[in-house]
Amino acid sequence: MIFVIMKIGLAAFMLAGGIIKVFRVPFQVEHWRHYQYPLWFLTVTGILEIAGALAMTVGIWNRYAAFGAGALFVVLMAGAVHAHMFRARQSVFMTIPAMICLIVSIMIMIRELT
């Protein structure tokens, strides 16, 4: 049951982040410029987050979907940590949400392998 809750929470968080990116909410655009990434990449990242959230939701019933979404989120969250720490030179505290999502994604992937 705990993994179902983790999947739902992760999917909801990533869906919200994806929507914010796709609709180019002003604060997110400002962050993206600070990271020095092109704005088209903001949209691509948002679409991937939304697709991953949908796959993670399907992953409640299908372990392959959960594993695939988890793998996608690992890549996205590793990129988020890199953007915060190395491109924007922000404090480690700014990476906490991405780190939590990264760890939860890894836990889900390991669970789906067993």
PDB file of N, CA and C in Angstrom:
ATOM      1  N   MET A   1       0.815  -1.202   0.000  1.00  0.00           N
ATOM      2  CA  MET A   1       0.000   0.000   0.000  1.00  0.00           C
ATOM      3  C   MET A   1       0.860   1.268   0.000  1.00  0.00           C
ATOM      4  N   ILE A   2       1.995   1.214   0.691  1.00  0.00           N
ATOM      5  CA  ILE A   2       2.863   2.383   0.761  1.00  0.00           C
ATOM      6  C   ILE A   2       3.387   2.767  -0.623  1.00  0.00           C
ATOM      7  N   PHE A   3       3.644   1.751  -1.466  1.00  0.00           N
ATOM      8  CA  PHE A   3       4.161   2.060  -2.797  1.00  0.00           C
ATOM      9  C   PHE A   3       3.087   2.663  -3.696  1.00  0.00           C
ATOM     10  N   VAL A   4       1.840   2.304  -3.481  1.00  0.00           N
ATOM     11  CA  VAL A   4       0.746   2.945  -4.221  1.00  0.00           C
ATOM     12  C   VAL A   4       0.683   4.427  -3.853  1.00  0.00           C
ATOM     13  N   ILE A   5       0.807   4.725  -2.564  1.00  0.00           N
ATOM     14  CA  ILE A   5       0.794   6.114  -2.104  1.00  0.00           C
ATOM     15  C   ILE A   5       1.996   6.866  -2.678  1.00  0.00           C
ATOM     16  N   MET A   6       3.166   6.221  -2.701  1.00  0.00           N
ATOM     17  CA  MET A   6       4.356   6.855  -3.266  1.00  0.00           C
ATOM     18  C   MET A   6       4.161   7.153  -4.751  1.00  0.00           C
ATOM     19  N   LYS A   7       3.578   6.214  -5.482  1.00  0.00           N
ATOM     20  CA  LYS A   7       3.340   6.416  -6.915  1.00  0.00           C
ATOM     21  C   LYS A   7       2.371   7.574  -7.152  1.00  0.00           C
ATOM     22  N   ILE A   8       1.297   7.614  -6.375  1.00  0.00           N
ATOM     23  CA  ILE A   8       0.312   8.679  -6.527  1.00  0.00           C
ATOM     24  C   ILE A   8       0.943  10.038  -6.190  1.00  0.00           C
ATOM     25  N   GLY A   9       1.681  10.098  -5.100  1.00  0.00           N
ATOM     26  CA  GLY A   9       2.323  11.352  -4.705  1.00  0.00           C
ATOM     27  C   GLY A   9       3.331  11.836  -5.730  1.00  0.00           C
ATOM     28  N   LEU A  10       4.152  10.908  -6.205  1.00  0.00           N
ATOM     29  CA  LEU A  10       5.155  11.265  -7.213  1.00  0.00           C
ATOM     30  C   LEU A  10       4.488  11.706  -8.508  1.00  0.00           C
ATOM     31  N   ALA A  11       3.454  10.975  -8.927  1.00  0.00           N
ATOM     32  CA  ALA A  11       2.738  11.341 -10.150  1.00  0.00           C
ATOM     33  C   ALA A  11       2.107  12.723 -10.022  1.00  0.00           C
ATOM     34  N   ALA A  12       1.508  13.011  -8.883  1.00  0.00           N
ATOM     35  CA  ALA A  12       0.866  14.319  -8.680  1.00  0.00           C
ATOM     36  C   ALA A  12       1.898  15.443  -8.710  1.00  0.00           C
ATOM     37  N   PHE A  13       3.022  15.243  -8.040  1.00  0.00           N
ATOM     38  CA  PHE A  13       4.074  16.257  -7.998  1.00  0.00           C
ATOM     39  C   PHE A  13       4.625  16.522  -9.397  1.00  0.00           C
ATOM     40  N   MET A  14       4.895  15.456 -10.135  1.00  0.00           N
ATOM     41  CA  MET A  14       5.464  15.596 -11.472  1.00  0.00           C
ATOM     42  C   MET A  14       4.443  16.177 -12.449  1.00  0.00           C
ATOM     43  N   LEU A  15       3.177  15.814 -12.301  1.00  0.00           N
ATOM     44  CA  LEU A  15       2.136  16.380 -13.152  1.00  0.00           C
ATOM     45  C   LEU A  15       2.044  17.892 -12.942  1.00  0.00           C
ATOM     46  N   ALA A  16       2.045  18.317 -11.693  1.00  0.00           N
ATOM     47  CA  ALA A  16       1.991  19.755 -11.405  1.00  0.00           C
ATOM     48  C   ALA A  16       3.204  20.472 -12.008  1.00  0.00           C
ATOM     49  N   GLY A  17       4.380  19.902 -11.820  1.00  0.00           N
ATOM     50  CA  GLY A  17       5.587  20.505 -12.390  1.00  0.00           C
ATOM     51  C   GLY A  17       5.544  20.559 -13.907  1.00  0.00           C
ATOM     52  N   GLY A  18       5.028  19.505 -14.520  1.00  0.00           N
ATOM     53  CA  GLY A  18       4.922  19.472 -15.977  1.00  0.00           C
ATOM     54  C   GLY A  18       3.965  20.513 -16.510  1.00  0.00           C
ATOM     55  N   ILE A  19       2.836  20.665 -15.850  1.00  0.00           N
ATOM     56  CA  ILE A  19       1.845  21.653 -16.283  1.00  0.00           C
ATOM     57  C   ILE A  19       2.421  23.062 -16.160  1.00  0.00           C
ATOM     58  N   ILE A  20       3.110  23.324 -15.066  1.00  0.00           N
ATOM     59  CA  ILE A  20       3.728  24.644 -14.864  1.00  0.00           C
ATOM     60  C   ILE A  20       4.726  24.945 -15.979  1.00  0.00           C
ATOM     61  N   LYS A  21       5.446  23.932 -16.413  1.00  0.00           N
ATOM     62  CA  LYS A  21       6.436  24.130 -17.477  1.00  0.00           C
ATOM     63  C   LYS A  21       5.763  24.306 -18.844  1.00  0.00           C
ATOM     64  N   VAL A  22       4.819  23.448 -19.155  1.00  0.00           N
ATOM     65  CA  VAL A  22       4.163  23.511 -20.467  1.00  0.00           C
ATOM     66  C   VAL A  22       3.437  24.841 -20.656  1.00  0.00           C
ATOM     67  N   PHE A  23       2.802  25.328 -19.601  1.00  0.00           N
ATOM     68  CA  PHE A  23       2.082  26.595 -19.694  1.00  0.00           C
ATOM     69  C   PHE A  23       2.976  27.803 -19.441  1.00  0.00           C
ATOM     70  N   ARG A  24       4.242  27.534 -19.235  1.00  0.00           N
ATOM     71  CA  ARG A  24       5.257  28.584 -19.067  1.00  0.00           C
ATOM     72  C   ARG A  24       4.846  29.630 -18.038  1.00  0.00           C
ATOM     73  N   VAL A  25       4.542  29.132 -16.842  1.00  0.00           N
ATOM     74  CA  VAL A  25       4.226  30.018 -15.726  1.00  0.00           C
ATOM     75  C   VAL A  25       5.446  30.915 -15.491  1.00  0.00           C
ATOM     76  N   PRO A  26       5.232  32.226 -15.324  1.00  0.00           N
ATOM     77  CA  PRO A  26       6.352  33.173 -15.296  1.00  0.00           C
ATOM     78  C   PRO A  26       7.503  32.830 -14.347  1.00  0.00           C
ATOM     79  N   PHE A  27       7.210  32.368 -13.124  1.00  0.00           N
ATOM     80  CA  PHE A  27       8.317  32.066 -12.215  1.00  0.00           C
ATOM     81  C   PHE A  27       9.168  30.919 -12.740  1.00  0.00           C
ATOM     82  N   GLN A  28       8.539  29.970 -13.438  1.00  0.00           N
ATOM     83  CA  GLN A  28       9.298  28.839 -13.986  1.00  0.00           C
ATOM     84  C   GLN A  28      10.164  29.291 -15.161  1.00  0.00           C
ATOM     85  N   VAL A  29       9.639  30.178 -15.971  1.00  0.00           N
ATOM     86  CA  VAL A  29      10.424  30.733 -17.085  1.00  0.00           C
ATOM     87  C   VAL A  29      11.646  31.467 -16.540  1.00  0.00           C
ATOM     88  N   GLU A  30      11.450  32.216 -15.463  1.00  0.00           N
ATOM     89  CA  GLU A  30      12.571  32.929 -14.836  1.00  0.00           C
ATOM     90  C   GLU A  30      13.634  31.946 -14.333  1.00  0.00           C
ATOM     91  N   HIS A  31      13.191  30.878 -13.689  1.00  0.00           N
ATOM     92  CA  HIS A  31      14.145  29.846 -13.234  1.00  0.00           C
ATOM     93  C   HIS A  31      14.897  29.262 -14.424  1.00  0.00           C
ATOM     94  N   TRP A  32      14.161  28.967 -15.472  1.00  0.00           N
ATOM     95  CA  TRP A  32      14.764  28.324 -16.639  1.00  0.00           C
ATOM     96  C   TRP A  32      15.827  29.223 -17.270  1.00  0.00           C
ATOM     97  N   ARG A  33      15.559  30.496 -17.308  1.00  0.00           N
ATOM     98  CA  ARG A  33      16.556  31.438 -17.833  1.00  0.00           C
ATOM     99  C   ARG A  33      17.788  31.482 -16.937  1.00  0.00           C
ATOM    100  N   HIS A  34      17.550  31.369 -15.636  1.00  0.00           N
ATOM    101  CA  HIS A  34      18.660  31.347 -14.691  1.00  0.00           C
ATOM    102  C   HIS A  34      19.537  30.104 -14.921  1.00  0.00           C
ATOM    103  N   TYR A  35      18.897  28.995 -15.297  1.00  0.00           N
ATOM    104  CA  TYR A  35      19.654  27.761 -15.585  1.00  0.00           C
ATOM    105  C   TYR A  35      20.374  27.838 -16.930  1.00  0.00           C
ATOM    106  N   GLN A  36      20.023  28.828 -17.732  1.00  0.00           N
ATOM    107  CA  GLN A  36      20.614  29.045 -19.053  1.00  0.00           C
ATOM    108  C   GLN A  36      20.308  27.902 -20.028  1.00  0.00           C
ATOM    109  N   TYR A  37      19.079  27.412 -19.953  1.00  0.00           N
ATOM    110  CA  TYR A  37      18.590  26.434 -20.920  1.00  0.00           C
ATOM    111  C   TYR A  37      17.670  27.150 -21.901  1.00  0.00           C
ATOM    112  N   PRO A  38      17.578  26.684 -23.144  1.00  0.00           N
ATOM    113  CA  PRO A  38      16.635  27.298 -24.090  1.00  0.00           C
ATOM    114  C   PRO A  38      15.183  27.019 -23.662  1.00  0.00           C
ATOM    115  N   LEU A  39      14.286  27.945 -23.980  1.00  0.00           N
ATOM    116  CA  LEU A  39      12.894  27.805 -23.543  1.00  0.00           C
ATOM    117  C   LEU A  39      12.179  26.617 -24.189  1.00  0.00           C
ATOM    118  N   TRP A  40      12.593  26.188 -25.389  1.00  0.00           N
ATOM    119  CA  TRP A  40      11.954  25.019 -25.989  1.00  0.00           C
ATOM    120  C   TRP A  40      12.188  23.786 -25.110  1.00  0.00           C
ATOM    121  N   PHE A  41      13.311  23.763 -24.405  1.00  0.00           N
ATOM    122  CA  PHE A  41      13.628  22.633 -23.540  1.00  0.00           C
ATOM    123  C   PHE A  41      12.721  22.612 -22.308  1.00  0.00           C
ATOM    124  N   LEU A  42      12.228  23.779 -21.914  1.00  0.00           N
ATOM    125  CA  LEU A  42      11.251  23.866 -20.824  1.00  0.00           C
ATOM    126  C   LEU A  42       9.983  23.107 -21.209  1.00  0.00           C
ATOM    127  N   THR A  43       9.516  23.333 -22.432  1.00  0.00           N
ATOM    128  CA  THR A  43       8.308  22.657 -22.910  1.00  0.00           C
ATOM    129  C   THR A  43       8.531  21.152 -23.032  1.00  0.00           C
ATOM    130  N   VAL A  44       9.658  20.754 -23.585  1.00  0.00           N
ATOM    131  CA  VAL A  44       9.967  19.327 -23.724  1.00  0.00           C
ATOM    132  C   VAL A  44      10.010  18.659 -22.354  1.00  0.00           C
ATOM    133  N   THR A  45      10.673  19.307 -21.402  1.00  0.00           N
ATOM    134  CA  THR A  45      10.761  18.748 -20.052  1.00  0.00           C
ATOM    135  C   THR A  45       9.369  18.634 -19.430  1.00  0.00           C
ATOM    136  N   GLY A  46       8.540  19.639 -19.613  1.00  0.00           N
ATOM    137  CA  GLY A  46       7.174  19.595 -19.094  1.00  0.00           C
ATOM    138  C   GLY A  46       6.368  18.463 -19.689  1.00  0.00           C
ATOM    139  N   ILE A  47       6.489  18.258 -20.981  1.00  0.00           N
ATOM    140  CA  ILE A  47       5.767  17.158 -21.645  1.00  0.00           C
ATOM    141  C   ILE A  47       6.241  15.813 -21.108  1.00  0.00           C
ATOM    142  N   LEU A  48       7.548  15.669 -20.915  1.00  0.00           N
ATOM    143  CA  LEU A  48       8.085  14.418 -20.367  1.00  0.00           C
ATOM    144  C   LEU A  48       7.590  14.189 -18.936  1.00  0.00           C
ATOM    145  N   GLU A  49       7.511  15.254 -18.153  1.00  0.00           N
ATOM    146  CA  GLU A  49       7.011  15.112 -16.787  1.00  0.00           C
ATOM    147  C   GLU A  49       5.538  14.696 -16.779  1.00  0.00           C
ATOM    148  N   ILE A  50       4.743  15.278 -17.648  1.00  0.00           N
ATOM    149  CA  ILE A  50       3.323  14.912 -17.734  1.00  0.00           C
ATOM    150  C   ILE A  50       3.179  13.466 -18.198  1.00  0.00           C
ATOM    151  N   ALA A  51       3.931  13.081 -19.223  1.00  0.00           N
ATOM    152  CA  ALA A  51       3.876  11.695 -19.719  1.00  0.00           C
ATOM    153  C   ALA A  51       4.305  10.726 -18.623  1.00  0.00           C
ATOM    154  N   GLY A  52       5.354  11.069 -17.892  1.00  0.00           N
ATOM    155  CA  GLY A  52       5.811  10.216 -16.802  1.00  0.00           C
ATOM    156  C   GLY A  52       4.780  10.103 -15.694  1.00  0.00           C
ATOM    157  N   ALA A  53       4.098  11.210 -15.393  1.00  0.00           N
ATOM    158  CA  ALA A  53       3.056  11.185 -14.368  1.00  0.00           C
ATOM    159  C   ALA A  53       1.908  10.271 -14.778  1.00  0.00           C
ATOM    160  N   LEU A  54       1.534  10.337 -16.042  1.00  0.00           N
ATOM    161  CA  LEU A  54       0.473   9.449 -16.533  1.00  0.00           C
ATOM    162  C   LEU A  54       0.921   7.990 -16.481  1.00  0.00           C
ATOM    163  N   ALA A  55       2.163   7.737 -16.885  1.00  0.00           N
ATOM    164  CA  ALA A  55       2.688   6.370 -16.844  1.00  0.00           C
ATOM    165  C   ALA A  55       2.781   5.865 -15.400  1.00  0.00           C
ATOM    166  N   MET A  56       3.178   6.742 -14.477  1.00  0.00           N
ATOM    167  CA  MET A  56       3.265   6.322 -13.081  1.00  0.00           C
ATOM    168  C   MET A  56       1.886   6.006 -12.528  1.00  0.00           C
ATOM    169  N   THR A  57       0.868   6.740 -12.977  1.00  0.00           N
ATOM    170  CA  THR A  57      -0.501   6.449 -12.561  1.00  0.00           C
ATOM    171  C   THR A  57      -0.922   5.071 -13.075  1.00  0.00           C
ATOM    172  N   VAL A  58      -0.627   4.790 -14.331  1.00  0.00           N
ATOM    173  CA  VAL A  58      -0.893   3.451 -14.882  1.00  0.00           C
ATOM    174  C   VAL A  58      -0.078   2.417 -14.112  1.00  0.00           C
ATOM    175  N   GLY A  59       1.081   2.831 -13.628  1.00  0.00           N
ATOM    176  CA  GLY A  59       1.965   1.945 -12.887  1.00  0.00           C
ATOM    177  C   GLY A  59       1.398   1.447 -11.573  1.00  0.00           C
ATOM    178  N   ILE A  60       0.306   2.024 -11.130  1.00  0.00           N
ATOM    179  CA  ILE A  60      -0.371   1.489  -9.941  1.00  0.00           C
ATOM    180  C   ILE A  60      -0.820   0.059 -10.224  1.00  0.00           C
ATOM    181  N   TRP A  61      -1.181  -0.219 -11.483  1.00  0.00           N
ATOM    182  CA  TRP A  61      -1.652  -1.539 -11.880  1.00  0.00           C
ATOM    183  C   TRP A  61      -0.672  -2.293 -12.770  1.00  0.00           C
ATOM    184  N   ASN A  62       0.285  -1.587 -13.353  1.00  0.00           N
ATOM    185  CA  ASN A  62       1.205  -2.210 -14.313  1.00  0.00           C
ATOM    186  C   ASN A  62       2.640  -1.893 -13.903  1.00  0.00           C
ATOM    187  N   ARG A  63       3.362  -2.915 -13.479  1.00  0.00           N
ATOM    188  CA  ARG A  63       4.715  -2.705 -12.954  1.00  0.00           C
ATOM    189  C   ARG A  63       5.685  -2.182 -14.010  1.00  0.00           C
ATOM    190  N   TYR A  64       5.463  -2.530 -15.273  1.00  0.00           N
ATOM    191  CA  TYR A  64       6.368  -2.067 -16.338  1.00  0.00           C
ATOM    192  C   TYR A  64       6.214  -0.556 -16.562  1.00  0.00           C
ATOM    193  N   ALA A  65       4.986  -0.083 -16.474  1.00  0.00           N
ATOM    194  CA  ALA A  65       4.744   1.357 -16.606  1.00  0.00           C
ATOM    195  C   ALA A  65       5.387   2.102 -15.436  1.00  0.00           C
ATOM    196  N   ALA A  66       5.267   1.549 -14.239  1.00  0.00           N
ATOM    197  CA  ALA A  66       5.876   2.182 -13.062  1.00  0.00           C
ATOM    198  C   ALA A  66       7.394   2.199 -13.184  1.00  0.00           C
ATOM    199  N   PHE A  67       7.967   1.105 -13.642  1.00  0.00           N
ATOM    200  CA  PHE A  67       9.423   1.043 -13.799  1.00  0.00           C
ATOM    201  C   PHE A  67       9.891   2.057 -14.847  1.00  0.00           C
ATOM    202  N   GLY A  68       9.199   2.123 -15.984  1.00  0.00           N
ATOM    203  CA  GLY A  68       9.566   3.059 -17.040  1.00  0.00           C
ATOM    204  C   GLY A  68       9.440   4.506 -16.597  1.00  0.00           C
ATOM    205  N   ALA A  69       8.341   4.817 -15.911  1.00  0.00           N
ATOM    206  CA  ALA A  69       8.163   6.180 -15.399  1.00  0.00           C
ATOM    207  C   ALA A  69       9.241   6.501 -14.373  1.00  0.00           C
ATOM    208  N   GLY A  70       9.563   5.533 -13.529  1.00  0.00           N
ATOM    209  CA  GLY A  70      10.622   5.738 -12.545  1.00  0.00           C
ATOM    210  C   GLY A  70      11.955   6.029 -13.203  1.00  0.00           C
ATOM    211  N   ALA A  71      12.270   5.286 -14.260  1.00  0.00           N
ATOM    212  CA  ALA A  71      13.530   5.512 -14.980  1.00  0.00           C
ATOM    213  C   ALA A  71      13.550   6.908 -15.612  1.00  0.00           C
ATOM    214  N   LEU A  72      12.446   7.308 -16.198  1.00  0.00           N
ATOM    215  CA  LEU A  72      12.352   8.654 -16.777  1.00  0.00           C
ATOM    216  C   LEU A  72      12.560   9.712 -15.701  1.00  0.00           C
ATOM    217  N   PHE A  73      11.906   9.531 -14.549  1.00  0.00           N
ATOM    218  CA  PHE A  73      12.031  10.506 -13.470  1.00  0.00           C
ATOM    219  C   PHE A  73      13.442  10.563 -12.899  1.00  0.00           C
ATOM    220  N   VAL A  74      14.141   9.432 -12.872  1.00  0.00           N
ATOM    221  CA  VAL A  74      15.532   9.436 -12.402  1.00  0.00           C
ATOM    222  C   VAL A  74      16.368  10.353 -13.290  1.00  0.00           C
ATOM    223  N   VAL A  75      16.192  10.226 -14.595  1.00  0.00           N
ATOM    224  CA  VAL A  75      16.948  11.073 -15.531  1.00  0.00           C
ATOM    225  C   VAL A  75      16.563  12.540 -15.353  1.00  0.00           C
ATOM    226  N   LEU A  76      15.259  12.816 -15.289  1.00  0.00           N
ATOM    227  CA  LEU A  76      14.798  14.201 -15.148  1.00  0.00           C
ATOM    228  C   LEU A  76      15.260  14.820 -13.832  1.00  0.00           C
ATOM    229  N   MET A  77      15.183  14.068 -12.758  1.00  0.00           N
ATOM    230  CA  MET A  77      15.551  14.618 -11.453  1.00  0.00           C
ATOM    231  C   MET A  77      17.067  14.748 -11.294  1.00  0.00           C
ATOM    232  N   ALA A  78      17.826  13.872 -11.907  1.00  0.00           N
ATOM    233  CA  ALA A  78      19.281  14.057 -11.923  1.00  0.00           C
ATOM    234  C   ALA A  78      19.617  15.349 -12.665  1.00  0.00           C
ATOM    235  N   GLY A  79      18.904  15.600 -13.747  1.00  0.00           N
ATOM    236  CA  GLY A  79      19.083  16.852 -14.485  1.00  0.00           C
ATOM    237  C   GLY A  79      18.673  18.057 -13.655  1.00  0.00           C
ATOM    238  N   ALA A  80      17.611  17.925 -12.875  1.00  0.00           N
ATOM    239  CA  ALA A  80      17.163  19.029 -12.021  1.00  0.00           C
ATOM    240  C   ALA A  80      18.204  19.349 -10.951  1.00  0.00           C
ATOM    241  N   VAL A  81      18.750  18.311 -10.339  1.00  0.00           N
ATOM    242  CA  VAL A  81      19.793  18.516  -9.327  1.00  0.00           C
ATOM    243  C   VAL A  81      20.994  19.218  -9.965  1.00  0.00           C
ATOM    244  N   HIS A  82      21.379  18.763 -11.135  1.00  0.00           N
ATOM    245  CA  HIS A  82      22.505  19.380 -11.844  1.00  0.00           C
ATOM    246  C   HIS A  82      22.208  20.855 -12.147  1.00  0.00           C
ATOM    247  N   ALA A  83      20.999  21.140 -12.619  1.00  0.00           N
ATOM    248  CA  ALA A  83      20.640  22.521 -12.965  1.00  0.00           C
ATOM    249  C   ALA A  83      20.708  23.425 -11.736  1.00  0.00           C
ATOM    250  N   HIS A  84      20.159  22.964 -10.631  1.00  0.00           N
ATOM    251  CA  HIS A  84      20.160  23.785  -9.416  1.00  0.00           C
ATOM    252  C   HIS A  84      21.570  24.016  -8.884  1.00  0.00           C
ATOM    253  N   MET A  85      22.339  22.948  -8.795  1.00  0.00           N
ATOM    254  CA  MET A  85      23.638  23.049  -8.115  1.00  0.00           C
ATOM    255  C   MET A  85      24.753  23.600  -8.995  1.00  0.00           C
ATOM    256  N   PHE A  86      24.779  23.198 -10.257  1.00  0.00           N
ATOM    257  CA  PHE A  86      25.928  23.530 -11.088  1.00  0.00           C
ATOM    258  C   PHE A  86      25.658  24.634 -12.109  1.00  0.00           C
ATOM    259  N   ARG A  87      24.468  24.659 -12.668  1.00  0.00           N
ATOM    260  CA  ARG A  87      24.178  25.708 -13.652  1.00  0.00           C
ATOM    261  C   ARG A  87      23.759  26.998 -12.963  1.00  0.00           C
ATOM    262  N   ALA A  88      22.908  26.887 -11.918  1.00  0.00           N
ATOM    263  CA  ALA A  88      22.438  28.088 -11.224  1.00  0.00           C
ATOM    264  C   ALA A  88      23.226  28.362  -9.940  1.00  0.00           C
ATOM    265  N   ARG A  89      24.044  27.414  -9.528  1.00  0.00           N
ATOM    266  CA  ARG A  89      24.861  27.550  -8.317  1.00  0.00           C
ATOM    267  C   ARG A  89      24.009  27.895  -7.090  1.00  0.00           C
ATOM    268  N   GLN A  90      22.878  27.202  -6.971  1.00  0.00           N
ATOM    269  CA  GLN A  90      22.002  27.400  -5.823  1.00  0.00           C
ATOM    270  C   GLN A  90      22.431  26.472  -4.686  1.00  0.00           C
ATOM    271  N   SER A  91      21.887  26.713  -3.503  1.00  0.00           N
ATOM    272  CA  SER A  91      22.251  25.899  -2.346  1.00  0.00           C
ATOM    273  C   SER A  91      21.671  24.495  -2.486  1.00  0.00           C
ATOM    274  N   VAL A  92      22.233  23.598  -1.707  1.00  0.00           N
ATOM    275  CA  VAL A  92      21.766  22.209  -1.686  1.00  0.00           C
ATOM    276  C   VAL A  92      20.290  22.150  -1.300  1.00  0.00           C
ATOM    277  N   PHE A  93      19.834  23.096  -0.486  1.00  0.00           N
ATOM    278  CA  PHE A  93      18.440  23.101  -0.044  1.00  0.00           C
ATOM    279  C   PHE A  93      17.461  23.245  -1.211  1.00  0.00           C
ATOM    280  N   MET A  94      17.891  23.900  -2.275  1.00  0.00           N
ATOM    281  CA  MET A  94      17.036  24.056  -3.454  1.00  0.00           C
ATOM    282  C   MET A  94      16.849  22.727  -4.193  1.00  0.00           C
ATOM    283  N   THR A  95      17.717  21.770  -3.937  1.00  0.00           N
ATOM    284  CA  THR A  95      17.622  20.477  -4.623  1.00  0.00           C
ATOM    285  C   THR A  95      16.765  19.468  -3.867  1.00  0.00           C
ATOM    286  N   ILE A  96      16.304  19.815  -2.672  1.00  0.00           N
ATOM    287  CA  ILE A  96      15.589  18.837  -1.836  1.00  0.00           C
ATOM    288  C   ILE A  96      14.377  18.221  -2.548  1.00  0.00           C
ATOM    289  N   PRO A  97      13.478  18.999  -3.174  1.00  0.00           N
ATOM    290  CA  PRO A  97      12.351  18.348  -3.859  1.00  0.00           C
ATOM    291  C   PRO A  97      12.807  17.373  -4.959  1.00  0.00           C
ATOM    292  N   ALA A  98      13.790  17.782  -5.751  1.00  0.00           N
ATOM    293  CA  ALA A  98      14.292  16.905  -6.816  1.00  0.00           C
ATOM    294  C   ALA A  98      14.960  15.659  -6.227  1.00  0.00           C
ATOM    295  N   MET A  99      15.693  15.825  -5.138  1.00  0.00           N
ATOM    296  CA  MET A  99      16.348  14.676  -4.496  1.00  0.00           C
ATOM    297  C   MET A  99      15.317  13.689  -3.956  1.00  0.00           C
ATOM    298  N   ILE A 100      14.252  14.216  -3.345  1.00  0.00           N
ATOM    299  CA  ILE A 100      13.199  13.333  -2.832  1.00  0.00           C
ATOM    300  C   ILE A 100      12.558  12.569  -3.979  1.00  0.00           C
ATOM    301  N   CYS A 101      12.237  13.256  -5.077  1.00  0.00           N
ATOM    302  CA  CYS A 101      11.648  12.587  -6.238  1.00  0.00           C
ATOM    303  C   CYS A 101      12.608  11.551  -6.819  1.00  0.00           C
ATOM    304  N   LEU A 102      13.879  11.872  -6.855  1.00  0.00           N
ATOM    305  CA  LEU A 102      14.897  10.941  -7.346  1.00  0.00           C
ATOM    306  C   LEU A 102      14.927   9.681  -6.481  1.00  0.00           C
ATOM    307  N   ILE A 103      14.967   9.850  -5.179  1.00  0.00           N
ATOM    308  CA  ILE A 103      15.022   8.706  -4.262  1.00  0.00           C
ATOM    309  C   ILE A 103      13.748   7.872  -4.348  1.00  0.00           C
ATOM    310  N   VAL A 104      12.604   8.524  -4.367  1.00  0.00           N
ATOM    311  CA  VAL A 104      11.327   7.801  -4.467  1.00  0.00           C
ATOM    312  C   VAL A 104      11.265   7.032  -5.789  1.00  0.00           C
ATOM    313  N   SER A 105      11.731   7.645  -6.871  1.00  0.00           N
ATOM    314  CA  SER A 105      11.734   6.970  -8.180  1.00  0.00           C
ATOM    315  C   SER A 105      12.606   5.715  -8.140  1.00  0.00           C
ATOM    316  N   ILE A 106      13.768   5.830  -7.534  1.00  0.00           N
ATOM    317  CA  ILE A 106      14.664   4.673  -7.416  1.00  0.00           C
ATOM    318  C   ILE A 106      14.014   3.586  -6.566  1.00  0.00           C
ATOM    319  N   MET A 107      13.379   3.980  -5.470  1.00  0.00           N
ATOM    320  CA  MET A 107      12.708   2.990  -4.620  1.00  0.00           C
ATOM    321  C   MET A 107      11.606   2.256  -5.388  1.00  0.00           C
ATOM    322  N   ILE A 108      10.833   2.992  -6.171  1.00  0.00           N
ATOM    323  CA  ILE A 108       9.761   2.383  -6.967  1.00  0.00           C
ATOM    324  C   ILE A 108      10.359   1.427  -7.993  1.00  0.00           C
ATOM    325  N   MET A 109      11.427   1.847  -8.663  1.00  0.00           N
ATOM    326  CA  MET A 109      12.054   0.974  -9.656  1.00  0.00           C
ATOM    327  C   MET A 109      12.552  -0.329  -9.019  1.00  0.00           C
ATOM    328  N   ILE A 110      13.191  -0.230  -7.870  1.00  0.00           N
ATOM    329  CA  ILE A 110      13.699  -1.421  -7.184  1.00  0.00           C
ATOM    330  C   ILE A 110      12.535  -2.320  -6.794  1.00  0.00           C
ATOM    331  N   ARG A 111      11.480  -1.734  -6.287  1.00  0.00           N
ATOM    332  CA  ARG A 111      10.292  -2.504  -5.887  1.00  0.00           C
ATOM    333  C   ARG A 111       9.685  -3.253  -7.079  1.00  0.00           C
ATOM    334  N   GLU A 112       9.643  -2.601  -8.234  1.00  0.00           N
ATOM    335  CA  GLU A 112       9.038  -3.233  -9.398  1.00  0.00           C
ATOM    336  C   GLU A 112       9.924  -4.319 -10.006  1.00  0.00           C
ATOM    337  N   LEU A 113      11.189  -4.357  -9.637  1.00  0.00           N
ATOM    338  CA  LEU A 113      12.076  -5.424 -10.112  1.00  0.00           C
ATOM    339  C   LEU A 113      11.898  -6.717  -9.322  1.00  0.00           C
ATOM    340  N   THR A 114      11.324  -6.617  -8.132  1.00  0.00           N
ATOM    341  CA  THR A 114      11.192  -7.811  -7.280  1.00  0.00           C
ATOM    342  C   THR A 114       9.887  -8.513  -7.486  1.00  0.00           C
TER     343      THR A 114
END
